């Protein structure tokens, strides 16, 4: 689901999945790592747009707002950062971002998240007809610690089928 990128790779948009915002409104290390990786990819020329997604979690502001601020601090113009600031889960982000992608007439995206999270994220976006692949910051496993890393992998093993079931249920009822 993730692959090495080269200069010929181009996508319509880079989608950055949210993570926690801390008590003082600062990005968690995970959120910072994701957006800075996306900004690096943006500056490499892979896309002209970032789509940042994430609502307000335990602490305000919305994850998307924090990511937009960081992207702008690192040379991305406000017009090139599209915000989705209501999603509270990977599935909600997928649904909302897929709608935004389609409304803009786009069809391809690069999903930025951590390695443990990319498989599910890419699979979900593909369920909505988006041609995607993923990219994760290189240091995502290091910072987390081994026990936490395995906990997140284990969580994803169960989240993948559950998320796909929820998608099919939503499609069945016409949402």
C-alpha atoms as a PDB file:
ATOM      1  CA  UNK A   1       0.000   0.000   0.000  1.00  0.00           C
ATOM      2  CA  UNK A   2       3.003   2.207   0.531  1.00  0.00           C
ATOM      3  CA  UNK A   3       5.764   2.500  -1.992  1.00  0.00           C
ATOM      4  CA  UNK A   4       8.895   4.473  -2.683  1.00  0.00           C
ATOM      5  CA  UNK A   5       8.041   7.669  -4.544  1.00  0.00           C
ATOM      6  CA  UNK A   6       9.985   9.082  -7.445  1.00  0.00           C
ATOM      7  CA  UNK A   7       9.955  12.391  -9.312  1.00  0.00           C
ATOM      8  CA  UNK A   8       7.524  11.115 -11.949  1.00  0.00           C
ATOM      9  CA  UNK A   9       4.805  10.367  -9.390  1.00  0.00           C
ATOM     10  CA  UNK A  10       1.931  12.881  -9.457  1.00  0.00           C
ATOM     11  CA  UNK A  11      -1.419  12.867  -7.688  1.00  0.00           C
ATOM     12  CA  UNK A  12      -4.300  15.303  -7.594  1.00  0.00           C
ATOM     13  CA  UNK A  13      -4.071  15.765  -3.830  1.00  0.00           C
ATOM     14  CA  UNK A  14      -2.118  14.674  -0.769  1.00  0.00           C
ATOM     15  CA  UNK A  15      -4.520  13.652   2.017  1.00  0.00           C
ATOM     16  CA  UNK A  16      -3.107  13.980   5.528  1.00  0.00           C
ATOM     17  CA  UNK A  17      -4.969  12.018   8.184  1.00  0.00           C
ATOM     18  CA  UNK A  18      -5.253  13.690  11.567  1.00  0.00           C
ATOM     19  CA  UNK A  19      -3.949  12.756  14.992  1.00  0.00           C
ATOM     20  CA  UNK A  20      -4.187  14.262  18.451  1.00  0.00           C
ATOM     21  CA  UNK A  21      -3.903  17.908  19.321  1.00  0.00           C
ATOM     22  CA  UNK A  22      -2.530  18.497  22.800  1.00  0.00           C
ATOM     23  CA  UNK A  23      -3.980  20.552  25.653  1.00  0.00           C
ATOM     24  CA  UNK A  24      -2.305  23.817  24.621  1.00  0.00           C
ATOM     25  CA  UNK A  25      -3.404  23.469  20.982  1.00  0.00           C
ATOM     26  CA  UNK A  26      -0.003  22.154  19.940  1.00  0.00           C
ATOM     27  CA  UNK A  27       0.269  19.224  17.540  1.00  0.00           C
ATOM     28  CA  UNK A  28       1.129  15.847  19.030  1.00  0.00           C
ATOM     29  CA  UNK A  29       4.381  14.381  17.710  1.00  0.00           C
ATOM     30  CA  UNK A  30       2.332  12.067  15.468  1.00  0.00           C
ATOM     31  CA  UNK A  31       0.357  14.956  13.959  1.00  0.00           C
ATOM     32  CA  UNK A  32       3.506  17.043  13.468  1.00  0.00           C
ATOM     33  CA  UNK A  33       5.336  14.135  11.840  1.00  0.00           C
ATOM     34  CA  UNK A  34       2.470  13.449   9.417  1.00  0.00           C
ATOM     35  CA  UNK A  35       2.005  17.034   8.248  1.00  0.00           C
ATOM     36  CA  UNK A  36       5.724  17.717   7.890  1.00  0.00           C
ATOM     37  CA  UNK A  37       6.085  14.554   5.808  1.00  0.00           C
ATOM     38  CA  UNK A  38       3.180  15.705   3.628  1.00  0.00           C
ATOM     39  CA  UNK A  39       4.731  19.177   3.241  1.00  0.00           C
ATOM     40  CA  UNK A  40       7.999  17.578   2.146  1.00  0.00           C
ATOM     41  CA  UNK A  41       6.113  15.548  -0.472  1.00  0.00           C
ATOM     42  CA  UNK A  42       4.218  18.669  -1.551  1.00  0.00           C
ATOM     43  CA  UNK A  43       7.465  20.585  -2.060  1.00  0.00           C
ATOM     44  CA  UNK A  44       8.858  17.665  -4.088  1.00  0.00           C
ATOM     45  CA  UNK A  45       6.149  18.410  -6.665  1.00  0.00           C
ATOM     46  CA  UNK A  46       3.978  15.326  -6.246  1.00  0.00           C
ATOM     47  CA  UNK A  47       0.830  17.492  -5.919  1.00  0.00           C
ATOM     48  CA  UNK A  48      -0.337  21.091  -5.822  1.00  0.00           C
ATOM     49  CA  UNK A  49      -2.780  20.536  -2.956  1.00  0.00           C
ATOM     50  CA  UNK A  50      -2.919  19.230   0.598  1.00  0.00           C
ATOM     51  CA  UNK A  51      -6.210  17.986   2.035  1.00  0.00           C
ATOM     52  CA  UNK A  52      -5.934  17.918   5.826  1.00  0.00           C
ATOM     53  CA  UNK A  53      -8.574  16.074   7.793  1.00  0.00           C
ATOM     54  CA  UNK A  54      -9.510  15.857  11.440  1.00  0.00           C
ATOM     55  CA  UNK A  55     -12.023  17.457  13.756  1.00  0.00           C
ATOM     56  CA  UNK A  56     -11.757  18.595  17.339  1.00  0.00           C
ATOM     57  CA  UNK A  57     -10.653  15.747  19.580  1.00  0.00           C
ATOM     58  CA  UNK A  58     -10.021  15.917  23.293  1.00  0.00           C
ATOM     59  CA  UNK A  59      -8.554  19.423  22.934  1.00  0.00           C
ATOM     60  CA  UNK A  60      -9.247  22.216  20.436  1.00  0.00           C
ATOM     61  CA  UNK A  61      -8.659  23.381  17.800  1.00  0.00           C
ATOM     62  CA  UNK A  62      -9.519  20.922  15.032  1.00  0.00           C
ATOM     63  CA  UNK A  63      -6.645  18.724  13.875  1.00  0.00           C
ATOM     64  CA  UNK A  64      -7.096  20.103  10.352  1.00  0.00           C
ATOM     65  CA  UNK A  65      -6.616  23.671  11.591  1.00  0.00           C
ATOM     66  CA  UNK A  66      -3.367  22.778  13.340  1.00  0.00           C
ATOM     67  CA  UNK A  67      -2.104  20.999  10.214  1.00  0.00           C
ATOM     68  CA  UNK A  68      -2.997  23.935   7.961  1.00  0.00           C
ATOM     69  CA  UNK A  69      -1.098  26.311  10.248  1.00  0.00           C
ATOM     70  CA  UNK A  70       1.981  24.073  10.215  1.00  0.00           C
ATOM     71  CA  UNK A  71       1.826  23.639   6.437  1.00  0.00           C
ATOM     72  CA  UNK A  72       1.618  27.398   5.963  1.00  0.00           C
ATOM     73  CA  UNK A  73       4.553  27.906   8.357  1.00  0.00           C
ATOM     74  CA  UNK A  74       6.515  25.589   6.061  1.00  0.00           C
ATOM     75  CA  UNK A  75       5.787  27.376   2.799  1.00  0.00           C
ATOM     76  CA  UNK A  76       2.434  26.034   1.592  1.00  0.00           C
ATOM     77  CA  UNK A  77      -0.040  28.766   0.653  1.00  0.00           C
ATOM     78  CA  UNK A  78      -3.453  28.927   2.323  1.00  0.00           C
ATOM     79  CA  UNK A  79      -5.129  28.372  -1.074  1.00  0.00           C
ATOM     80  CA  UNK A  80      -3.301  25.066  -1.483  1.00  0.00           C
ATOM     81  CA  UNK A  81      -4.500  23.632   1.847  1.00  0.00           C
ATOM     82  CA  UNK A  82      -8.046  22.301   1.854  1.00  0.00           C
ATOM     83  CA  UNK A  83      -9.519  21.562   5.267  1.00  0.00           C
ATOM     84  CA  UNK A  84     -11.965  18.903   6.374  1.00  0.00           C
ATOM     85  CA  UNK A  85     -12.452  19.669  10.048  1.00  0.00           C
ATOM     86  CA  UNK A  86     -15.366  17.552  11.220  1.00  0.00           C
ATOM     87  CA  UNK A  87     -14.172  13.926  10.970  1.00  0.00           C
ATOM     88  CA  UNK A  88     -13.552  12.088  14.221  1.00  0.00           C
ATOM     89  CA  UNK A  89     -12.389   8.745  12.786  1.00  0.00           C
ATOM     90  CA  UNK A  90     -10.544   7.262   9.845  1.00  0.00           C
ATOM     91  CA  UNK A  91     -13.835   6.179   8.289  1.00  0.00           C
ATOM     92  CA  UNK A  92     -15.377   9.648   8.684  1.00  0.00           C
ATOM     93  CA  UNK A  93     -12.231  11.181   7.161  1.00  0.00           C
ATOM     94  CA  UNK A  94     -12.423   8.754   4.259  1.00  0.00           C
ATOM     95  CA  UNK A  95     -16.046   9.555   3.513  1.00  0.00           C
ATOM     96  CA  UNK A  96     -15.628  13.339   3.816  1.00  0.00           C
ATOM     97  CA  UNK A  97     -12.343  13.484   1.896  1.00  0.00           C
ATOM     98  CA  UNK A  98     -13.639  11.201  -0.868  1.00  0.00           C
ATOM     99  CA  UNK A  99     -16.531  13.644  -1.353  1.00  0.00           C
ATOM    100  CA  UNK A 100     -14.135  16.606  -1.481  1.00  0.00           C
ATOM    101  CA  UNK A 101     -11.881  14.797  -3.953  1.00  0.00           C
ATOM    102  CA  UNK A 102     -14.808  13.984  -6.252  1.00  0.00           C
ATOM    103  CA  UNK A 103     -16.312  17.492  -5.990  1.00  0.00           C
ATOM    104  CA  UNK A 104     -12.980  18.916  -7.178  1.00  0.00           C
ATOM    105  CA  UNK A 105     -12.969  16.543 -10.159  1.00  0.00           C
ATOM    106  CA  UNK A 106      -9.960  14.684  -8.821  1.00  0.00           C
ATOM    107  CA  UNK A 107      -9.431  10.934  -8.849  1.00  0.00           C
ATOM    108  CA  UNK A 108      -5.937  10.288  -7.441  1.00  0.00           C
ATOM    109  CA  UNK A 109      -4.537  10.832  -3.968  1.00  0.00           C
ATOM    110  CA  UNK A 110      -1.564  10.084  -1.797  1.00  0.00           C
ATOM    111  CA  UNK A 111      -2.584   9.206   1.763  1.00  0.00           C
ATOM    112  CA  UNK A 112      -0.167  10.274   4.506  1.00  0.00           C
ATOM    113  CA  UNK A 113      -0.384   8.503   7.837  1.00  0.00           C
ATOM    114  CA  UNK A 114       1.761   6.236   9.986  1.00  0.00           C
ATOM    115  CA  UNK A 115       2.884   2.855   8.655  1.00  0.00           C
ATOM    116  CA  UNK A 116       0.570   0.851  10.913  1.00  0.00           C
ATOM    117  CA  UNK A 117      -2.427   2.876   9.666  1.00  0.00           C
ATOM    118  CA  UNK A 118      -1.774   3.020   5.918  1.00  0.00           C
ATOM    119  CA  UNK A 119      -3.177  -0.345   4.864  1.00  0.00           C
ATOM    120  CA  UNK A 120      -6.623   0.371   6.294  1.00  0.00           C
ATOM    121  CA  UNK A 121      -6.616   3.965   5.089  1.00  0.00           C
ATOM    122  CA  UNK A 122      -5.739   3.045   1.519  1.00  0.00           C
ATOM    123  CA  UNK A 123      -8.273   0.200   1.450  1.00  0.00           C
ATOM    124  CA  UNK A 124     -11.029   2.514   2.685  1.00  0.00           C
ATOM    125  CA  UNK A 125     -10.329   5.222   0.113  1.00  0.00           C
ATOM    126  CA  UNK A 126     -10.328   2.593  -2.629  1.00  0.00           C
ATOM    127  CA  UNK A 127     -13.808   1.502  -1.486  1.00  0.00           C
ATOM    128  CA  UNK A 128     -14.968   4.987  -2.494  1.00  0.00           C
ATOM    129  CA  UNK A 129     -13.388   4.810  -5.942  1.00  0.00           C
ATOM    130  CA  UNK A 130     -10.319   6.926  -5.249  1.00  0.00           C
ATOM    131  CA  UNK A 131      -7.051   5.761  -6.838  1.00  0.00           C
ATOM    132  CA  UNK A 132      -4.657   5.968  -3.901  1.00  0.00           C
ATOM    133  CA  UNK A 133      -1.382   4.837  -2.498  1.00  0.00           C
ATOM    134  CA  UNK A 134       0.197   5.710   0.809  1.00  0.00           C
ATOM    135  CA  UNK A 135       3.293   7.249   2.287  1.00  0.00           C
ATOM    136  CA  UNK A 136       4.451   7.260   5.897  1.00  0.00           C
ATOM    137  CA  UNK A 137       7.180   9.201   7.642  1.00  0.00           C
ATOM    138  CA  UNK A 138      10.256   7.029   8.088  1.00  0.00           C
ATOM    139  CA  UNK A 139      10.495   7.567  11.833  1.00  0.00           C
ATOM    140  CA  UNK A 140       6.913   6.692  12.755  1.00  0.00           C
ATOM    141  CA  UNK A 141       7.817   3.412  14.472  1.00  0.00           C
ATOM    142  CA  UNK A 142      10.807   4.783  16.382  1.00  0.00           C
ATOM    143  CA  UNK A 143       9.022   7.490  18.341  1.00  0.00           C
ATOM    144  CA  UNK A 144       6.149   5.303  19.448  1.00  0.00           C
ATOM    145  CA  UNK A 145       7.970   2.543  21.313  1.00  0.00           C
ATOM    146  CA  UNK A 146       7.727  -1.163  20.607  1.00  0.00           C
ATOM    147  CA  UNK A 147       4.780  -2.007  22.888  1.00  0.00           C
ATOM    148  CA  UNK A 148       2.643   0.885  21.647  1.00  0.00           C
ATOM    149  CA  UNK A 149       3.581   0.032  18.035  1.00  0.00           C
ATOM    150  CA  UNK A 150       2.358  -3.565  18.408  1.00  0.00           C
ATOM    151  CA  UNK A 151      -0.796  -2.365  20.148  1.00  0.00           C
ATOM    152  CA  UNK A 152      -1.582  -0.123  17.147  1.00  0.00           C
ATOM    153  CA  UNK A 153      -0.898  -2.942  14.654  1.00  0.00           C
ATOM    154  CA  UNK A 154      -3.161  -5.283  16.614  1.00  0.00           C
ATOM    155  CA  UNK A 155      -5.889  -2.625  16.672  1.00  0.00           C
ATOM    156  CA  UNK A 156      -5.665  -2.195  12.904  1.00  0.00           C
ATOM    157  CA  UNK A 157      -6.069  -5.950  12.317  1.00  0.00           C
ATOM    158  CA  UNK A 158      -9.575  -5.697  13.778  1.00  0.00           C
ATOM    159  CA  UNK A 159     -10.347  -2.239  12.428  1.00  0.00           C
ATOM    160  CA  UNK A 160      -9.883  -3.219   8.773  1.00  0.00           C
ATOM    161  CA  UNK A 161     -12.777  -5.695   8.492  1.00  0.00           C
ATOM    162  CA  UNK A 162     -14.970  -3.626  10.826  1.00  0.00           C
ATOM    163  CA  UNK A 163     -14.466  -0.490   8.714  1.00  0.00           C
ATOM    164  CA  UNK A 164     -15.274  -2.333   5.496  1.00  0.00           C
ATOM    165  CA  UNK A 165     -18.442  -3.769   7.056  1.00  0.00           C
ATOM    166  CA  UNK A 166     -19.490  -0.243   8.086  1.00  0.00           C
ATOM    167  CA  UNK A 167     -18.887   1.033   4.530  1.00  0.00           C
ATOM    168  CA  UNK A 168     -21.044  -1.690   3.007  1.00  0.00           C
ATOM    169  CA  UNK A 169     -23.778  -1.046   5.586  1.00  0.00           C
ATOM    170  CA  UNK A 170     -23.731   2.683   4.710  1.00  0.00           C
ATOM    171  CA  UNK A 171     -23.856   1.926   0.992  1.00  0.00           C
ATOM    172  CA  UNK A 172     -26.748  -0.475   1.568  1.00  0.00           C
ATOM    173  CA  UNK A 173     -28.843   2.186   3.305  1.00  0.00           C
ATOM    174  CA  UNK A 174     -27.944   4.788   0.694  1.00  0.00           C
ATOM    175  CA  UNK A 175     -25.727   7.206   2.614  1.00  0.00           C
END
